[in-house]
Protein backbone atom coordinates (compact mmCIF):
# COMPACT_ATOMS: atom_id res chain seq x y z
CA MET A 1 -0.08 0.02 -0.03
CA ASN A 2 2.88 2.23 0.65
CA LEU A 3 4.42 1.33 -2.05
CA LEU A 4 1.51 1.89 -4.38
CA LEU A 5 1.25 5.93 -2.91
CA LEU A 6 4.66 6.66 -3.75
CA ARG A 7 4.39 5.80 -7.20
CA SER A 8 1.29 7.02 -7.59
CA SER A 9 2.71 10.60 -6.13
CA SER A 10 5.75 10.30 -8.09
CA LEU A 11 3.40 9.91 -10.99
CA LYS A 12 1.82 13.00 -9.95
CA ARG A 13 5.07 15.34 -9.98
CA THR A 14 6.60 14.02 -12.85
CA SER A 15 3.31 14.61 -14.74
CA CYS A 16 3.15 18.27 -13.38
CA SER A 17 6.57 19.03 -14.40
CA PHE A 18 5.88 17.57 -17.94
CA LEU A 19 2.77 19.61 -18.36
CA SER A 20 4.75 23.01 -16.84
CA LYS A 21 7.71 22.49 -19.62
CA SER A 22 5.58 21.66 -22.46
CA LEU A 23 3.15 24.66 -21.86
CA SER A 24 5.77 26.90 -20.96
CA GLY A 25 7.79 25.91 -24.10
CA ASN A 26 4.96 26.40 -26.31
CA GLY A 27 4.01 30.21 -25.14
CA PHE A 28 2.08 29.40 -22.27
CA LEU A 29 3.19 30.54 -18.30
CA ILE A 30 1.64 27.97 -15.87
CA SER A 31 2.33 27.34 -11.94
CA PRO A 32 3.08 23.93 -11.13
CA SER A 33 0.02 23.63 -8.82
CA ILE A 34 -2.18 24.64 -11.58
CA ALA A 35 -0.39 21.72 -13.72
CA LEU A 36 -1.08 19.34 -10.30
CA HIS A 37 -4.99 19.91 -10.62
CA TYR A 38 -4.60 19.19 -14.17
CA SER A 39 -2.62 16.17 -14.19
CA THR A 40 -4.29 14.17 -11.61
CA ILE A 41 -3.31 10.26 -12.95
CA THR A 42 -3.30 6.94 -11.41
CA PRO A 43 -1.83 4.09 -12.18
CA GLU A 44 -3.89 2.75 -14.51
CA LYS A 45 -3.42 5.55 -16.97
CA ASN A 46 0.07 5.31 -17.05
CA ASN A 47 0.59 4.02 -20.50
CA THR A 48 -1.74 6.89 -21.75
CA LEU A 49 0.95 9.87 -20.20
CA LYS A 50 3.68 8.03 -21.96
CA ALA A 51 1.71 8.43 -25.44
CA ALA A 52 0.84 11.81 -24.68
CA GLU A 53 4.36 12.54 -23.78
CA GLU A 54 6.10 11.13 -26.74
CA HIS A 55 3.51 12.55 -29.07
CA VAL A 56 4.11 16.38 -27.60
CA ASN A 57 7.45 16.02 -27.78
CA GLU A 58 7.54 14.64 -31.29
CA ILE A 59 5.47 18.14 -32.21
CA ASN A 60 8.09 20.03 -30.61
CA GLU A 61 10.76 18.95 -32.70
CA ILE A 62 9.17 19.45 -35.41
CA ASN A 63 7.77 22.94 -34.69
CA GLN A 64 11.74 23.93 -34.05
CA LYS A 65 13.01 22.00 -37.15
CA HIS A 66 10.33 24.26 -39.00
CA LYS A 67 11.67 27.81 -37.11
CA GLU A 68 15.17 26.67 -38.08
CA ASN A 69 14.15 26.03 -41.58
CA HIS A 70 12.36 29.35 -41.38
CA ALA A 71 14.77 31.50 -39.99
CA SER A 72 17.57 30.05 -42.82
CA GLU A 73 15.10 30.73 -45.97
CA ILE A 74 14.85 34.21 -44.41
CA LYS A 75 18.60 34.85 -44.29
CA ASN A 76 18.92 33.45 -48.04
CA GLN A 77 16.56 35.43 -49.45
CA ASN A 78 18.33 38.45 -47.54
CA SER A 79 21.82 38.03 -48.72
CA ASN A 80 20.33 37.16 -52.44
CA SER A 81 18.28 39.67 -52.56
CA ALA A 82 18.62 42.35 -55.71
CA PRO A 83 19.65 45.88 -54.33
CA SER A 84 16.99 48.74 -54.03
CA LYS A 85 15.90 50.58 -57.51
CA ILE A 86 16.29 53.94 -55.08
CA GLN A 87 19.49 55.41 -55.57
CA PRO A 88 20.44 58.47 -52.91
CA ILE A 89 21.47 61.05 -56.38
CA SER A 90 24.73 61.65 -55.97
CA HIS A 91 26.01 65.83 -55.99
CA LYS A 92 27.14 64.85 -59.50
CA GLN A 93 23.66 64.24 -60.62
CA THR A 94 22.38 66.87 -58.75
CA ARG A 95 24.04 69.36 -60.44
CA LEU A 96 23.53 68.33 -63.85
CA ILE A 97 19.94 68.50 -63.17
CA VAL A 98 20.29 71.83 -61.69
CA GLU A 99 22.27 72.49 -65.06
CA LYS A 100 19.67 71.49 -67.20
CA GLN A 101 16.88 73.12 -65.58
CA ILE A 102 18.51 76.49 -66.09
CA LYS A 103 19.74 75.98 -69.74
CA PHE A 104 16.09 75.03 -70.23
CA LYS A 105 15.36 78.51 -68.78
CA GLU A 106 17.46 80.34 -71.17
CA THR A 107 16.35 78.46 -74.08
CA ALA A 108 12.74 79.93 -73.12
CA LEU A 109 13.85 83.03 -72.72
CA ARG A 110 15.06 82.94 -76.44
CA SER A 111 11.90 81.41 -78.21
CA PRO A 112 10.28 83.88 -80.24
CA LEU A 113 6.78 81.72 -80.59
CA LEU A 114 6.73 81.96 -76.24
CA ILE A 115 7.17 85.54 -75.88
CA THR A 116 4.53 86.29 -78.60
CA LEU A 117 2.15 83.85 -77.13
CA HIS A 118 2.81 85.68 -73.74
CA ARG A 119 2.08 88.82 -75.06
CA ARG A 120 -1.15 87.61 -77.36
CA LEU A 121 -2.54 86.46 -74.37
CA GLU A 122 -1.56 89.79 -72.13
CA LEU A 123 -0.06 86.94 -69.22
CA PRO A 124 1.60 88.71 -66.19
CA LYS A 125 5.53 88.65 -65.68
CA SER A 126 5.21 86.71 -62.96
CA PHE A 127 3.78 84.11 -65.31
CA GLU A 128 7.41 82.45 -66.52
CA LEU A 129 8.06 81.85 -70.21
CA TYR A 130 9.55 78.19 -69.37
CA SER A 131 6.40 77.58 -67.62
CA LEU A 132 4.29 78.43 -70.62
CA ALA A 133 6.98 76.04 -72.37
CA ARG A 134 5.84 73.36 -69.78
CA CYS A 135 1.85 74.23 -70.73
CA LEU A 136 2.92 73.11 -74.11
CA THR A 137 4.33 69.76 -73.38
CA CYS A 138 1.64 66.88 -73.27
CA LYS A 139 2.48 63.45 -71.20
CA GLY A 140 4.67 61.11 -73.27
CA ARG A 141 6.96 64.18 -75.26
CA THR A 142 8.90 65.90 -72.51
CA SER A 143 11.66 67.99 -72.96
CA GLN A 144 14.86 67.22 -73.73
CA TYR A 145 15.98 69.26 -70.96
CA SER A 146 13.37 68.42 -68.45
CA LYS A 147 11.80 65.05 -68.66
CA ASN A 148 9.28 65.37 -65.80
CA ALA A 149 8.15 68.22 -66.92
CA ASP A 150 4.59 67.63 -68.98
CA ASN A 151 1.50 69.27 -68.13
CA SER A 152 -0.54 66.58 -67.09
CA ALA A 153 -1.17 67.48 -63.20
CA LEU A 154 -1.50 71.30 -64.63
CA ALA A 155 -4.49 70.25 -66.77
CA TYR A 156 -6.15 68.65 -63.99
CA PHE A 157 -6.10 71.28 -61.82
CA GLY A 158 -6.83 73.95 -64.58
CA GLU A 159 -9.87 71.47 -65.30
CA SER A 160 -11.42 72.21 -62.15
CA LEU A 161 -10.90 75.78 -62.34
CA LEU A 162 -12.16 76.20 -65.43
CA ASP A 163 -15.75 73.41 -64.40
CA TYR A 164 -15.72 75.76 -61.24
CA TYR A 165 -16.53 79.14 -62.87
CA VAL A 166 -18.24 78.03 -66.12
CA THR A 167 -20.79 76.39 -63.62
CA GLU A 168 -21.05 79.05 -61.23
CA HIS A 169 -21.40 81.90 -64.58
CA LEU A 170 -24.10 79.61 -65.97
CA ILE A 171 -26.40 78.43 -62.89
CA THR A 172 -26.26 82.62 -61.65
CA LYS A 173 -26.84 83.57 -64.81
CA TYR A 174 -30.17 81.16 -65.31
CA PRO A 175 -30.74 79.89 -62.16
CA ARG A 176 -33.95 78.18 -63.48
CA LEU A 177 -32.25 75.53 -66.27
CA PRO A 178 -32.95 72.34 -65.71
CA LEU A 179 -29.74 69.74 -65.07
CA LYS A 180 -29.62 68.13 -68.28
CA ILE A 181 -29.30 71.54 -70.23
CA LEU A 182 -27.11 73.08 -67.39
CA GLU A 183 -24.65 70.01 -68.53
CA ASN A 184 -24.93 70.79 -71.84
CA ALA A 185 -23.91 73.73 -71.34
CA VAL A 186 -21.19 73.68 -69.62
CA ASP A 187 -20.14 70.96 -71.89
CA ALA A 188 -20.31 73.70 -74.89
CA TYR A 189 -17.63 76.00 -72.73
CA THR A 190 -15.66 73.22 -71.37
CA SER A 191 -15.22 70.49 -74.23
CA ASP A 192 -12.01 69.40 -75.89
CA LYS A 193 -13.93 70.65 -79.46
CA VAL A 194 -14.39 74.31 -77.96
CA LEU A 195 -10.96 74.23 -76.49
CA HIS A 196 -9.20 73.32 -79.15
CA ASP A 197 -10.48 76.04 -81.22
CA VAL A 198 -9.74 78.32 -78.33
CA ALA A 199 -6.42 77.59 -78.48
CA ALA A 200 -5.55 77.15 -82.17
CA ASN A 201 -7.87 79.66 -83.69
CA SER A 202 -8.24 82.37 -80.89
CA TRP A 203 -4.83 81.93 -78.79
CA GLY A 204 -3.03 80.85 -82.47
CA ILE A 205 -0.95 77.87 -80.71
CA GLU A 206 0.48 75.55 -83.52
CA ALA A 207 0.96 72.15 -83.07
CA ASP A 208 4.39 70.39 -83.48
CA ASN A 209 4.41 67.40 -86.00
CA SER A 210 8.02 67.40 -86.61
CA LEU A 211 10.04 64.04 -85.30
CA PRO A 212 12.99 64.50 -82.77
CA ILE A 213 15.73 64.35 -85.73
CA ASP A 214 14.13 67.35 -87.77
CA LEU A 215 15.88 69.34 -84.93
CA ALA A 216 19.77 68.42 -85.73
CA LEU A 217 18.69 68.17 -89.97
CA ARG A 218 17.38 71.86 -90.02
CA ASP A 219 19.99 73.31 -88.32
CA VAL A 220 17.31 74.96 -85.88
CA ASP A 221 17.35 76.21 -82.47
CA SER A 222 15.74 74.18 -80.03
CA SER A 223 14.51 77.57 -78.69
CA TYR A 224 11.86 77.47 -81.29
CA TYR A 225 10.12 74.29 -80.66
CA LEU A 226 9.45 75.44 -77.32
CA GLY A 227 6.74 77.76 -78.16
CA LYS A 228 5.01 75.08 -80.47
CA LEU A 229 2.93 71.91 -78.84
CA ARG A 230 4.61 69.41 -78.41
CA TYR A 231 2.43 65.55 -78.03
CA VAL A 232 2.74 61.98 -79.08
CA GLU A 233 0.32 60.58 -81.75
CA ARG A 234 -1.58 57.64 -81.19
CA HIS A 235 -0.35 54.77 -83.07
CA LYS A 236 -1.28 51.05 -83.08
CA GLN A 237 0.97 47.90 -83.89
CA LEU A 238 0.52 45.82 -86.34
CA GLU A 239 0.06 42.00 -85.23
CA ASN A 240 1.82 40.44 -87.95
CA ASP A 241 5.28 42.67 -88.12
CA SER A 242 5.94 44.43 -85.11
CA ASN A 243 8.93 46.64 -87.81
CA PHE A 244 5.89 48.44 -88.66
CA ILE A 245 3.43 50.58 -87.15
CA GLN A 246 -0.02 51.66 -88.26
CA ILE A 247 -1.02 55.14 -87.94
CA ASP A 248 -5.01 55.68 -87.32
CA THR A 249 -6.13 59.17 -88.72
CA LYS A 250 -8.91 59.48 -87.07
CA LYS A 251 -7.43 59.20 -83.56
CA ASN A 252 -4.73 61.37 -84.45
CA SER A 253 -6.82 64.22 -85.07
CA THR A 254 -8.75 63.10 -81.38
CA THR A 255 -5.23 63.00 -79.98
CA GLU A 256 -4.29 66.75 -81.25
CA ARG A 257 -7.80 68.27 -79.95
CA ASN A 258 -6.84 66.86 -76.45
CA ALA A 259 -3.51 68.13 -76.69
CA MET A 260 -5.20 71.37 -77.52
CA ALA A 261 -7.50 71.07 -74.50
CA SER A 262 -4.95 70.10 -72.00
CA ALA A 263 -2.41 73.25 -73.09
CA VAL A 264 -5.64 75.57 -72.25
CA LYS A 265 -6.32 73.79 -68.63
CA SER A 266 -2.41 73.91 -67.85
CA ILE A 267 -2.30 77.45 -68.62
CA LEU A 268 -5.26 78.56 -66.73
CA ALA A 269 -3.35 76.62 -63.74
CA VAL A 270 -0.33 78.50 -63.92
CA TYR A 271 -2.06 81.51 -64.79
CA TYR A 272 -3.76 80.70 -60.96
CA ALA A 273 -0.72 79.87 -59.36
CA SER A 274 1.33 82.80 -60.76
CA THR A 275 -1.14 85.67 -59.84
CA GLU A 276 -2.12 83.62 -56.66
CA SER A 277 -5.57 85.19 -57.06
CA LEU A 278 -8.64 83.64 -57.40
CA SER A 279 -10.44 87.03 -58.87
CA GLU A 280 -7.78 87.33 -61.48
CA THR A 281 -8.03 83.82 -62.64
CA LYS A 282 -12.03 84.01 -63.18
CA LYS A 283 -11.63 87.56 -65.06
CA PHE A 284 -9.44 85.57 -67.21
CA ILE A 285 -11.45 82.68 -67.53
CA HIS A 286 -14.47 85.52 -68.68
CA ALA A 287 -11.94 86.93 -71.04
CA HIS A 288 -11.22 83.95 -72.96
CA ILE A 289 -13.54 80.67 -72.46
CA LEU A 290 -17.09 82.52 -71.30
CA SER A 291 -17.13 85.84 -73.57
CA ARG A 292 -17.75 82.96 -76.51
CA LYS A 293 -21.56 83.35 -77.44
CA LEU A 294 -23.74 80.73 -76.88
CA ASP A 295 -27.70 80.18 -77.76
CA VAL A 296 -28.70 78.38 -74.60
CA SER A 297 -32.14 78.48 -76.12
CA SER A 298 -31.07 75.90 -78.75
CA LEU A 299 -30.25 73.44 -76.19
CA PHE A 300 -33.75 72.72 -75.54
CA ALA A 301 -36.22 70.13 -77.01
CA PHE A 302 -39.53 69.49 -75.77
CA ASN A 303 -41.51 66.23 -76.30
CA GLN A 304 -44.90 67.34 -74.88
CA PRO A 305 -44.40 71.32 -74.27
CA THR A 306 -48.23 71.51 -74.28
CA ARG A 307 -48.63 69.15 -71.33
CA GLU A 308 -45.68 70.20 -69.30
CA LEU A 309 -46.48 73.95 -69.79
CA SER A 310 -49.74 72.85 -67.26
CA VAL A 311 -47.73 70.87 -65.04
CA LEU A 312 -45.44 73.87 -64.14
CA CYS A 313 -48.54 76.63 -64.42
CA LYS A 314 -50.33 74.22 -61.33
CA ARG A 315 -46.87 73.87 -59.78
CA GLU A 316 -46.31 77.32 -59.65
CA ASN A 317 -49.87 77.93 -58.27
CA LEU A 318 -51.19 79.83 -61.83
CA GLU A 319 -54.22 79.43 -63.81
CA PRO A 320 -54.32 76.88 -66.32
CA PRO A 321 -52.71 77.81 -69.75
CA VAL A 322 -54.92 79.17 -72.58
CA THR A 323 -53.52 79.15 -75.52
CA ARG A 324 -55.54 82.25 -77.95
CA LEU A 325 -55.04 82.97 -81.64
CA ILE A 326 -53.76 86.51 -81.34
CA SER A 327 -53.74 87.57 -85.28
CA GLU A 328 -53.53 85.54 -89.02
CA THR A 329 -53.14 86.79 -92.25
CA GLY A 330 -53.93 84.74 -95.50
CA ARG A 331 -55.67 81.80 -94.21
CA LEU A 332 -56.82 80.67 -97.73
CA SER A 333 -53.29 81.93 -99.50
CA ARG A 334 -50.61 79.49 -100.28
CA SER A 335 -48.41 80.93 -97.81
CA PRO A 336 -50.44 82.12 -94.32
CA VAL A 337 -49.20 83.12 -91.30
CA PHE A 338 -51.07 82.58 -87.73
CA VAL A 339 -49.68 84.38 -84.47
CA ALA A 340 -50.66 82.67 -81.47
CA GLY A 341 -50.13 83.16 -77.50
CA VAL A 342 -50.53 81.40 -74.54
CA PHE A 343 -52.40 83.12 -71.62
CA SER A 344 -52.58 82.48 -67.78
CA GLY A 345 -55.65 84.47 -67.11
CA THR A 346 -54.67 87.70 -68.20
CA GLU A 347 -51.09 87.21 -68.39
CA LYS A 348 -49.55 86.25 -71.72
CA LEU A 349 -46.67 83.43 -71.13
CA GLY A 350 -45.55 83.12 -74.35
CA GLU A 351 -46.17 83.86 -78.33
CA SER A 352 -44.79 82.54 -81.67
CA TYR A 353 -45.84 82.52 -85.05
CA ALA A 354 -46.08 79.72 -87.89
CA SER A 355 -47.97 78.51 -91.23
CA SER A 356 -50.29 76.42 -89.22
CA LEU A 357 -52.77 77.43 -86.21
CA GLN A 358 -51.79 73.97 -84.37
CA GLU A 359 -48.00 74.34 -85.07
CA ALA A 360 -48.15 78.17 -83.98
CA LYS A 361 -50.43 76.72 -80.41
CA ILE A 362 -47.13 73.99 -79.96
CA ARG A 363 -44.27 76.81 -80.56
CA ALA A 364 -46.38 79.32 -78.40
CA ALA A 365 -46.20 76.90 -75.27
CA VAL A 366 -42.38 76.15 -76.24
CA ALA A 367 -41.41 80.01 -75.98
CA ALA A 368 -43.34 80.06 -72.85
CA LEU A 369 -41.39 77.57 -71.10
CA LYS A 370 -38.01 78.97 -72.18
CA ASN A 371 -39.51 82.10 -71.37
CA TYR A 372 -39.39 80.58 -67.55
CA TYR A 373 -36.38 78.60 -67.84
CA LEU A 374 -34.18 81.31 -69.26
CA TYR A 375 -35.14 83.99 -66.85
CA SER A 376 -31.98 85.66 -65.93
CA PRO A 377 -31.98 88.15 -63.15
CA LEU A 378 -30.43 91.97 -63.29
CA ASN A 379 -26.72 92.40 -62.24
CA PRO A 380 -26.69 88.96 -60.66
CA LYS A 381 -23.50 88.44 -58.00
CA TYR A 382 -21.64 85.30 -58.25
CA PRO A 383 -20.85 83.22 -55.05
CA SER A 384 -16.82 83.48 -55.35
CA ASP A 385 -17.73 87.57 -55.14
CA GLU A 386 -16.64 89.10 -52.15
CA ASP A 387 -19.74 91.12 -51.52
CA PHE A 388 -22.32 88.42 -52.62
CA SER A 389 -25.64 87.78 -50.98
CA PRO A 390 -27.60 84.59 -51.11
CA ALA A 391 -30.05 85.66 -53.86
CA LEU A 392 -34.14 85.45 -52.50
CA ILE A 393 -34.86 82.87 -55.59
CA VAL A 394 -35.27 79.63 -54.96
CA ASP A 395 -35.87 76.92 -58.09
CA HIS A 396 -38.37 73.85 -57.73
CA GLY A 397 -36.82 72.12 -59.95
CA ASP A 398 -37.41 70.61 -63.09
CA VAL A 399 -41.03 69.78 -64.00
CA ILE A 400 -41.59 65.97 -64.08
CA VAL A 401 -44.20 65.29 -66.98
């Protein structure tokens, strides 16, 4: 009996130390008393304990080998890894970059096209000529003096300025414009086709379609080409022969249009950066972009003008519209003329004429709708003005038919 108790107590101590070591080795901190509580082993379970001990030892050995193999793999990767592509710039490279930038600025000062364009647009003195040359350099056709000097970032910022001031102008001038008409009107001022016309016909910017080898063959100073718009024409590679390319003339015209538009947007961005004044930038946009004539009334197209006018009058708490014949001439002749008007009570909403009475009524309804949507307040104040005060006119939105 004493021998059995002694054996049982020794088994408990052995299992206690085993569990304490195995759990501590796997990242657990456990006291011997807790291990003793979970290791109440009887002599009948001695074989199970030995099997468990052997199994845990095997797992620990496998984990240890895995850690050693993983550490050796990381060491080999660090020793065989390629050097980093980002290398510190030496003093010699910094000096060469500075010299190229200085040479680029000196070349821009000698460019007759840049000087002419600068004076034609009446740009301020703070608008440097080398900045103007960068505005004329599109992405992919960078200068030989500054490989990163393209107008992609400038065009992105200039587009934001242009969209803001054009939208502000239209909403302030026509506060009742429907959303679709407003979008089309903004596009009529800011589309690539319109900006291409501004750059090519109004500002006189020329596109440089020459090859880099022409500069050496013609023996012309490089400052001459800085005043032209430089861009890369789109092309596509032939699948059969990689030594030839096929020029797509349709895409070339689109590319030139986009390049001209990006040049205009870049000039707007640099104008703001050089003047540091939003008011001066707004004046420049109004003088060169918004000064173009746009017939907003031609953007409207009504499917059911008489019904839409009825819904509009009901929404504005007006009397239902009534179409009346105002005058006519030559009803039985070859070319009759009918003048019709739309009235809401005693107030005339619109008037028009046509060769038939029905068509005159429809045109009168269209004229009444345009008179409502194209309402323009006198001397409107823009939200970007310093003395701006909120308008008292609140639009109720588009008319849903």
